[in-house]
């Protein structure tokens, strides 16, 4: 089967959409399928193009995947106007690029940003092949949840575009059960909805052999309790709560490590300095190859989102990486994510935005190494059994095959 995939993020970027798309496509190509990814120059989230890349059309082969990079207006992951121009320019470049390629059997567009999906839909319709929407964030609710825009013409336009795509693509692959339920309630036929949850390539995370010397590099004593947040530092994540918890902890043995880049990083670092918090350490975004070592050096992994009803329907992918590395999770997310962690026995849940609850969970885990080890083992088993990336890739491939078969396409 020939698959054409549109995504704004792809390696060497390391955010969740980039990792999922790359790992799925790598598995599909290893099984003999022809996968082409249309993306842009890697720059997320800083807006700085990675070394070795230029902002113009180019082609490379990555793990058997044909990667076509197109020009786009580059902007850091903050500010509505420039980011909107970034997204729209990618779509405008991606459509002619997609039309210049060999006719696919199926076209896929992935969010978070809707214009990638719009480009996929346009190319699919012009090439007369099916289109699949991989839904990672609900729109326009995801913008409202992080207060990135007020109600008005802009929000009505985004809502109209999202509704158009939900109803006019041939199939929607949701990353959570909650998303599928919400779309079904909006009138999208159940037979056009599937769920393929995020997962993890467990072969990349080996809790037995991974080097744990990372904590020595950042000056964390052996008896200190190191709690790590690793990922995007954006408006959705509510990491001000970590600073509040660190302030409550005072000079005790609790250490908080925040690794990544994003719109809120500068303000978080300024606030840490203003408060004189010596128990909070920031690191710049790290190559994906370092993620296992960072997690292995941690005593617990924090997954935190702002207290908003929308986030009850999301599942942060960092949950599965912590599971695979056999690290207990401190989860400040309600809903489907909490049910996953609790049913697996892989961590503790706390109220989002409550620093006292967060600190209580940290202290409880620090006092009980046996419980931390048990939660780690439980998480690893759940990652292998229920959230293995290969299983997710095979499930999505099955969906794409079924959708492609509904319309006449070229022999592959």
Protein backbone atom coordinates (compact mmCIF):
# COMPACT_ATOMS: atom_id res chain seq x y z
CA UNK A 1 0.00 0.00 0.00
CA UNK A 2 1.16 3.52 -0.79
CA UNK A 3 0.58 5.92 2.13
CA UNK A 4 0.98 9.70 1.92
CA UNK A 5 1.20 11.36 5.34
CA UNK A 6 0.98 15.09 6.13
CA UNK A 7 2.39 16.29 9.45
CA UNK A 8 3.81 19.56 10.72
CA UNK A 9 6.21 17.69 13.02
CA UNK A 10 8.70 14.95 12.21
CA UNK A 11 12.16 13.89 13.49
CA UNK A 12 14.60 15.24 14.40
CA UNK A 13 11.80 16.99 16.31
CA UNK A 14 10.96 14.99 19.42
CA UNK A 15 7.40 15.95 20.34
CA UNK A 16 4.66 13.34 20.50
CA UNK A 17 3.23 13.79 16.95
CA UNK A 18 6.72 13.52 15.43
CA UNK A 19 7.59 10.39 17.38
CA UNK A 20 4.28 8.62 16.73
CA UNK A 21 4.31 9.33 12.99
CA UNK A 22 7.94 8.28 12.62
CA UNK A 23 7.57 5.05 14.56
CA UNK A 24 4.37 4.05 12.79
CA UNK A 25 5.81 4.84 9.36
CA UNK A 26 9.04 3.00 10.15
CA UNK A 27 7.09 -0.14 11.02
CA UNK A 28 4.93 0.14 7.90
CA UNK A 29 7.94 0.51 5.60
CA UNK A 30 9.64 -2.45 7.27
CA UNK A 31 6.64 -4.53 6.20
CA UNK A 32 6.96 -3.46 2.58
CA UNK A 33 4.58 -0.51 2.40
CA UNK A 34 5.54 2.68 0.59
CA UNK A 35 5.32 5.66 3.00
CA UNK A 36 5.94 9.30 2.07
CA UNK A 37 5.79 12.02 4.73
CA UNK A 38 5.26 15.66 3.76
CA UNK A 39 6.51 17.96 6.50
CA UNK A 40 8.53 21.16 7.00
CA UNK A 41 12.00 22.05 8.23
CA UNK A 42 12.36 20.83 11.84
CA UNK A 43 11.99 23.80 14.20
CA UNK A 44 9.54 22.92 16.98
CA UNK A 45 9.12 24.42 19.55
CA UNK A 46 11.77 27.16 19.44
CA UNK A 47 11.24 28.33 15.85
CA UNK A 48 14.93 27.74 15.14
CA UNK A 49 15.69 25.38 12.25
CA UNK A 50 17.80 22.40 13.29
CA UNK A 51 21.38 22.19 12.12
CA UNK A 52 21.76 20.59 8.72
CA UNK A 53 18.35 21.70 7.43
CA UNK A 54 17.19 24.66 5.35
CA UNK A 55 13.77 26.20 4.89
CA UNK A 56 13.15 25.09 1.33
CA UNK A 57 11.88 21.99 -0.43
CA UNK A 58 14.14 18.99 0.01
CA UNK A 59 13.91 15.22 0.12
CA UNK A 60 15.58 12.72 2.40
CA UNK A 61 15.22 9.05 3.28
CA UNK A 62 14.80 8.29 6.97
CA UNK A 63 14.53 4.63 8.00
CA UNK A 64 13.05 3.77 4.60
CA UNK A 65 10.53 6.64 4.74
CA UNK A 66 10.60 9.21 1.94
CA UNK A 67 10.51 12.59 3.71
CA UNK A 68 9.57 15.63 1.62
CA UNK A 69 10.23 18.90 3.45
CA UNK A 70 8.58 22.06 2.15
CA UNK A 71 9.01 25.76 2.81
CA UNK A 72 6.90 27.31 5.57
CA UNK A 73 6.85 30.50 7.59
CA UNK A 74 8.84 29.54 10.70
CA UNK A 75 7.62 30.72 14.10
CA UNK A 76 8.23 29.70 17.69
CA UNK A 77 5.44 27.84 19.47
CA UNK A 78 3.82 30.94 20.95
CA UNK A 79 1.65 33.79 19.74
CA UNK A 80 -1.54 33.28 17.74
CA UNK A 81 -0.84 35.38 14.65
CA UNK A 82 2.61 34.08 13.75
CA UNK A 83 1.74 30.47 14.58
CA UNK A 84 -1.40 30.71 12.44
CA UNK A 85 0.71 31.99 9.56
CA UNK A 86 3.16 29.13 10.19
CA UNK A 87 0.38 26.54 9.98
CA UNK A 88 -1.32 28.08 6.96
CA UNK A 89 1.92 28.49 5.01
CA UNK A 90 2.75 24.83 5.58
CA UNK A 91 -0.57 23.78 4.11
CA UNK A 92 -0.11 26.04 1.10
CA UNK A 93 3.31 24.52 0.40
CA UNK A 94 2.28 20.97 1.26
CA UNK A 95 -0.63 20.79 -1.20
CA UNK A 96 1.41 21.28 -4.40
CA UNK A 97 4.12 19.03 -2.99
CA UNK A 98 1.59 16.29 -2.37
CA UNK A 99 0.15 16.67 -5.85
CA UNK A 100 3.60 16.30 -7.41
CA UNK A 101 4.15 12.87 -5.83
CA UNK A 102 3.03 9.45 -7.02
CA UNK A 103 -0.69 8.82 -6.52
CA UNK A 104 -1.20 7.18 -3.11
CA UNK A 105 -3.75 4.63 -2.00
CA UNK A 106 -4.65 6.68 1.08
CA UNK A 107 -3.75 10.11 2.46
CA UNK A 108 -3.40 10.83 6.18
CA UNK A 109 -3.31 14.21 7.91
CA UNK A 110 -2.48 14.51 11.58
CA UNK A 111 -3.23 17.26 14.07
CA UNK A 112 -2.52 19.01 16.52
CA UNK A 113 -2.79 21.73 13.87
CA UNK A 114 -5.75 21.53 11.52
CA UNK A 115 -4.09 22.88 8.39
CA UNK A 116 -2.04 19.69 7.98
CA UNK A 117 -5.32 17.82 7.78
CA UNK A 118 -6.76 20.41 5.41
CA UNK A 119 -3.79 19.88 3.09
CA UNK A 120 -4.26 16.12 3.27
CA UNK A 121 -7.97 16.44 2.49
CA UNK A 122 -7.33 18.73 -0.49
CA UNK A 123 -4.71 16.43 -1.99
CA UNK A 124 -6.87 13.35 -1.40
CA UNK A 125 -9.85 14.91 -3.14
CA UNK A 126 -7.80 16.13 -6.10
CA UNK A 127 -6.16 12.71 -6.47
CA UNK A 128 -9.50 10.93 -5.86
CA UNK A 129 -8.27 8.77 -3.01
CA UNK A 130 -9.53 8.41 0.60
CA UNK A 131 -8.44 10.75 3.39
CA UNK A 132 -7.92 9.85 7.07
CA UNK A 133 -7.83 12.43 9.88
CA UNK A 134 -5.59 11.38 12.80
CA UNK A 135 -7.15 13.34 15.66
CA UNK A 136 -4.69 14.20 18.43
CA UNK A 137 -6.47 17.29 19.83
CA UNK A 138 -10.09 18.36 19.79
CA UNK A 139 -10.79 21.58 17.93
CA UNK A 140 -11.59 24.30 18.82
CA UNK A 141 -11.65 23.13 22.44
CA UNK A 142 -7.87 22.69 22.59
CA UNK A 143 -7.34 26.40 21.85
CA UNK A 144 -9.95 27.44 24.39
CA UNK A 145 -8.43 25.21 27.07
CA UNK A 146 -5.06 26.96 26.94
CA UNK A 147 -6.65 30.40 26.49
CA UNK A 148 -4.73 30.92 23.26
CA UNK A 149 -7.62 32.84 21.71
CA UNK A 150 -10.83 34.51 22.79
CA UNK A 151 -14.20 33.83 21.25
CA UNK A 152 -14.91 35.72 18.05
CA UNK A 153 -14.41 35.45 14.33
CA UNK A 154 -11.15 33.49 14.68
CA UNK A 155 -12.66 30.86 16.95
CA UNK A 156 -15.77 30.54 14.81
CA UNK A 157 -13.58 29.99 11.75
CA UNK A 158 -11.52 27.31 13.52
CA UNK A 159 -14.69 25.61 14.76
CA UNK A 160 -16.14 25.63 11.24
CA UNK A 161 -12.95 24.20 9.72
CA UNK A 162 -12.77 21.44 12.35
CA UNK A 163 -16.41 20.51 11.81
CA UNK A 164 -15.93 20.50 8.04
CA UNK A 165 -12.97 18.12 8.30
CA UNK A 166 -14.66 15.82 10.82
CA UNK A 167 -17.58 15.44 8.39
CA UNK A 168 -15.79 15.35 5.04
CA UNK A 169 -12.79 13.10 5.58
CA UNK A 170 -13.38 9.43 4.96
CA UNK A 171 -12.32 8.29 8.41
CA UNK A 172 -11.15 9.72 11.75
CA UNK A 173 -8.56 7.89 13.86
CA UNK A 174 -8.85 9.18 17.42
CA UNK A 175 -6.04 8.76 19.96
CA UNK A 176 -8.49 8.38 22.88
CA UNK A 177 -11.81 6.66 23.47
CA UNK A 178 -13.15 9.97 24.78
CA UNK A 179 -12.51 11.70 21.46
CA UNK A 180 -14.46 9.02 19.64
CA UNK A 181 -17.40 9.40 22.04
CA UNK A 182 -17.43 13.19 21.61
CA UNK A 183 -17.41 12.97 17.80
CA UNK A 184 -20.11 10.32 17.85
CA UNK A 185 -22.25 12.63 20.00
CA UNK A 186 -21.70 15.35 17.37
CA UNK A 187 -23.22 13.14 14.73
CA UNK A 188 -20.16 11.60 13.09
CA UNK A 189 -21.13 8.02 12.10
CA UNK A 190 -19.60 5.36 14.34
CA UNK A 191 -18.35 3.36 11.36
CA UNK A 192 -16.15 6.32 10.35
CA UNK A 193 -14.43 6.46 13.75
CA UNK A 194 -11.61 4.32 15.14
CA UNK A 195 -9.33 4.56 18.16
CA UNK A 196 -5.58 3.95 18.01
CA UNK A 197 -4.05 5.04 21.29
CA UNK A 198 -0.53 6.25 21.69
CA UNK A 199 2.07 3.79 22.82
CA UNK A 200 5.78 3.30 23.18
CA UNK A 201 8.53 1.38 21.43
CA UNK A 202 9.59 -0.68 24.42
CA UNK A 203 12.82 -1.68 22.69
CA UNK A 204 14.03 1.93 23.08
CA UNK A 205 13.53 1.87 26.86
CA UNK A 206 15.40 -0.81 28.81
CA UNK A 207 15.20 -0.22 32.57
CA UNK A 208 17.82 -2.92 33.20
CA UNK A 209 20.66 -1.62 31.05
CA UNK A 210 20.12 2.12 30.64
CA UNK A 211 22.88 4.32 32.07
CA UNK A 212 21.69 6.09 35.25
CA UNK A 213 24.60 8.49 35.64
CA UNK A 214 22.55 11.42 34.40
CA UNK A 215 21.61 12.52 37.91
CA UNK A 216 25.29 12.96 38.74
CA UNK A 217 25.63 15.31 35.75
CA UNK A 218 23.00 17.64 37.20
CA UNK A 219 24.26 17.41 40.78
CA UNK A 220 21.48 15.37 42.40
CA UNK A 221 22.62 13.50 45.53
CA UNK A 222 21.95 9.75 45.77
CA UNK A 223 19.42 10.20 48.58
CA UNK A 224 17.52 13.05 46.94
CA UNK A 225 14.11 12.36 45.42
CA UNK A 226 14.32 13.42 41.76
CA UNK A 227 10.97 14.16 40.10
CA UNK A 228 11.24 14.84 36.37
CA UNK A 229 8.94 16.59 33.95
CA UNK A 230 10.09 15.99 30.37
CA UNK A 231 8.31 17.52 27.40
CA UNK A 232 6.82 20.73 26.05
CA UNK A 233 6.63 23.67 28.45
CA UNK A 234 3.46 25.19 27.09
CA UNK A 235 0.32 26.92 28.22
CA UNK A 236 -1.50 23.62 28.58
CA UNK A 237 0.86 22.15 31.12
CA UNK A 238 0.39 24.32 34.20
CA UNK A 239 3.95 23.92 35.42
CA UNK A 240 3.65 26.88 37.76
CA UNK A 241 2.28 24.25 40.15
CA UNK A 242 5.72 22.60 40.20
CA UNK A 243 7.30 25.85 41.35
CA UNK A 244 4.69 26.20 44.08
CA UNK A 245 5.38 22.65 45.26
CA UNK A 246 9.13 23.27 45.21
CA UNK A 247 8.65 26.38 47.33
CA UNK A 248 6.59 24.41 49.84
CA UNK A 249 9.29 21.73 49.95
CA UNK A 250 11.88 24.30 51.00
CA UNK A 251 15.33 22.86 51.58
CA UNK A 252 14.29 19.22 51.85
CA UNK A 253 15.41 16.25 49.74
CA UNK A 254 12.87 16.80 46.93
CA UNK A 255 14.36 17.87 43.61
CA UNK A 256 12.38 18.88 40.53
CA UNK A 257 13.86 18.64 37.03
CA UNK A 258 12.08 20.33 34.11
CA UNK A 259 13.41 19.34 30.69
CA UNK A 260 12.20 20.85 27.43
CA UNK A 261 11.28 23.98 25.53
CA UNK A 262 8.09 25.91 25.02
CA UNK A 263 6.13 29.11 25.30
CA UNK A 264 6.18 29.18 29.11
CA UNK A 265 9.82 28.28 29.71
CA UNK A 266 11.23 31.80 29.96
CA UNK A 267 8.58 32.93 32.44
CA UNK A 268 8.98 29.75 34.51
CA UNK A 269 12.73 30.28 34.73
CA UNK A 270 12.29 33.94 35.70
CA UNK A 271 9.84 32.99 38.42
CA UNK A 272 12.17 30.27 39.72
CA UNK A 273 14.98 32.80 39.97
CA UNK A 274 12.74 35.41 41.60
CA UNK A 275 11.68 32.97 44.30
CA UNK A 276 15.22 31.67 44.79
CA UNK A 277 14.19 28.06 44.28
CA UNK A 278 17.34 25.98 44.51
CA UNK A 279 15.47 22.69 44.20
CA UNK A 280 14.27 23.28 40.61
CA UNK A 281 16.57 22.62 37.66
CA UNK A 282 15.83 23.46 34.03
CA UNK A 283 17.46 21.78 31.05
CA UNK A 284 17.08 22.61 27.39
CA UNK A 285 15.32 20.18 25.10
CA UNK A 286 17.32 16.98 24.75
CA UNK A 287 17.84 14.60 21.80
CA UNK A 288 15.46 11.68 21.90
CA UNK A 289 18.42 9.36 22.40
CA UNK A 290 18.91 10.88 25.88
CA UNK A 291 15.32 10.43 27.04
CA UNK A 292 15.81 6.88 28.41
CA UNK A 293 18.81 7.97 30.48
CA UNK A 294 16.95 10.97 31.89
CA UNK A 295 14.00 8.82 32.88
CA UNK A 296 16.23 6.10 34.30
CA UNK A 297 17.94 8.64 36.55
CA UNK A 298 14.59 9.85 37.91
CA UNK A 299 12.80 8.51 40.96
CA UNK A 300 9.40 9.52 39.59
CA UNK A 301 8.06 11.07 36.38
CA UNK A 302 5.59 13.94 36.54
CA UNK A 303 2.81 14.24 33.94
CA UNK A 304 0.93 17.49 34.46
CA UNK A 305 -1.77 19.44 32.63
CA UNK A 306 -3.82 22.46 33.64
CA UNK A 307 -7.08 21.85 35.44
CA UNK A 308 -9.47 22.05 32.49
CA UNK A 309 -12.35 19.69 31.59
CA UNK A 310 -10.94 19.16 28.08
CA UNK A 311 -7.86 17.45 29.46
CA UNK A 312 -10.00 14.70 30.95
CA UNK A 313 -10.19 13.39 27.38
CA UNK A 314 -6.47 13.38 26.51
CA UNK A 315 -3.68 10.87 27.16
CA UNK A 316 -0.20 12.43 27.28
CA UNK A 317 2.22 10.11 25.50
CA UNK A 318 4.90 10.64 28.17
CA UNK A 319 2.83 8.31 30.38
CA UNK A 320 3.84 5.35 28.24
CA UNK A 321 7.54 6.25 28.14
CA UNK A 322 7.61 6.40 31.95
CA UNK A 323 5.88 3.02 32.05
CA UNK A 324 8.37 1.50 29.63
CA UNK A 325 11.28 2.76 31.75
CA UNK A 326 9.66 1.25 34.88
CA UNK A 327 9.38 4.61 36.60
CA UNK A 328 6.43 5.48 38.87
CA UNK A 329 4.19 8.24 37.53
CA UNK A 330 2.82 11.22 39.40
CA UNK A 331 -0.17 12.08 37.24
CA UNK A 332 -1.94 15.44 37.48
CA UNK A 333 -4.51 14.72 34.77
CA UNK A 334 -8.05 13.54 35.33
CA UNK A 335 -10.22 11.28 33.20
CA UNK A 336 -8.98 8.67 30.73
CA UNK A 337 -5.31 9.16 31.63
CA UNK A 338 -6.00 8.63 35.32
CA UNK A 339 -7.93 5.45 34.58
CA UNK A 340 -4.98 4.07 32.61
CA UNK A 341 -2.41 4.78 35.34
CA UNK A 342 -4.64 3.59 38.17
CA UNK A 343 -5.73 0.37 36.45
CA UNK A 344 -2.11 -0.46 35.65
CA UNK A 345 -0.97 0.33 39.20
CA UNK A 346 1.78 2.42 37.61
CA UNK A 347 1.64 5.56 39.73
CA UNK A 348 -0.34 7.97 41.85
CA UNK A 349 -2.84 10.61 40.78
CA UNK A 350 -3.04 14.13 42.18
CA UNK A 351 -5.32 17.08 41.62
CA UNK A 352 -4.09 19.27 38.72
CA UNK A 353 -2.92 22.65 39.93
CA UNK A 354 -2.68 21.61 43.61
CA UNK A 355 0.93 22.00 44.83
CA UNK A 356 0.21 20.52 48.26
CA UNK A 357 -1.26 17.40 46.73
CA UNK A 358 1.73 17.14 44.39
CA UNK A 359 4.21 17.53 47.24
CA UNK A 360 2.33 14.96 49.33
CA UNK A 361 2.63 12.45 46.49
CA UNK A 362 6.36 13.15 46.14
CA UNK A 363 6.91 12.70 49.87
CA UNK A 364 4.89 9.50 49.91
CA UNK A 365 6.90 7.94 47.10
CA UNK A 366 10.19 9.09 48.60
CA UNK A 367 9.31 7.34 51.86
CA UNK A 368 8.43 4.03 50.16
CA UNK A 369 11.10 2.75 47.72
CA UNK A 370 9.35 -0.64 47.56
CA UNK A 371 6.17 1.01 46.31
CA UNK A 372 8.12 2.92 43.68
CA UNK A 373 9.67 -0.31 42.46
CA UNK A 374 6.31 -2.08 42.37
CA UNK A 375 4.71 0.74 40.38
CA UNK A 376 7.64 0.67 37.99
CA UNK A 377 7.27 -3.06 37.38
CA UNK A 378 3.52 -2.68 36.87
CA UNK A 379 4.07 0.10 34.37
CA UNK A 380 6.59 -1.88 32.37
CA UNK A 381 4.23 -4.84 32.15
CA UNK A 382 1.38 -2.58 31.00
CA UNK A 383 3.60 -0.95 28.37
CA UNK A 384 4.59 -4.33 26.95
CA UNK A 385 1.09 -5.79 27.11
CA UNK A 386 -1.28 -2.93 26.32
CA UNK A 387 0.64 0.02 24.88
CA UNK A 388 3.26 -1.43 22.59
CA UNK A 389 3.91 0.87 19.63
CA UNK A 390 4.08 -1.99 17.13
CA UNK A 391 0.60 -3.14 18.07
CA UNK A 392 -0.71 0.41 17.63
CA UNK A 393 1.01 0.72 14.25
CA UNK A 394 -0.51 -2.56 13.08
CA UNK A 395 -3.96 -1.48 14.23
CA UNK A 396 -3.71 1.82 12.38
CA UNK A 397 -2.37 0.09 9.28
CA UNK A 398 -5.45 -2.12 9.36
CA UNK A 399 -7.67 0.97 9.45
CA UNK A 400 -5.80 2.55 6.53
CA UNK A 401 -6.07 -0.66 4.52
CA UNK A 402 -9.83 -0.85 5.07
CA UNK A 403 -10.32 2.81 4.15
CA UNK A 404 -8.16 2.47 1.03
CA UNK A 405 -10.16 -0.54 -0.09
CA UNK A 406 -13.42 1.43 -0.13
CA UNK A 407 -12.41 3.35 -3.26
CA UNK A 408 -10.65 2.26 -6.45
CA UNK A 409 -6.96 3.09 -6.32
CA UNK A 410 -3.77 2.22 -8.15
CA UNK A 411 -2.35 -1.28 -7.84
CA UNK A 412 0.40 -1.28 -5.23
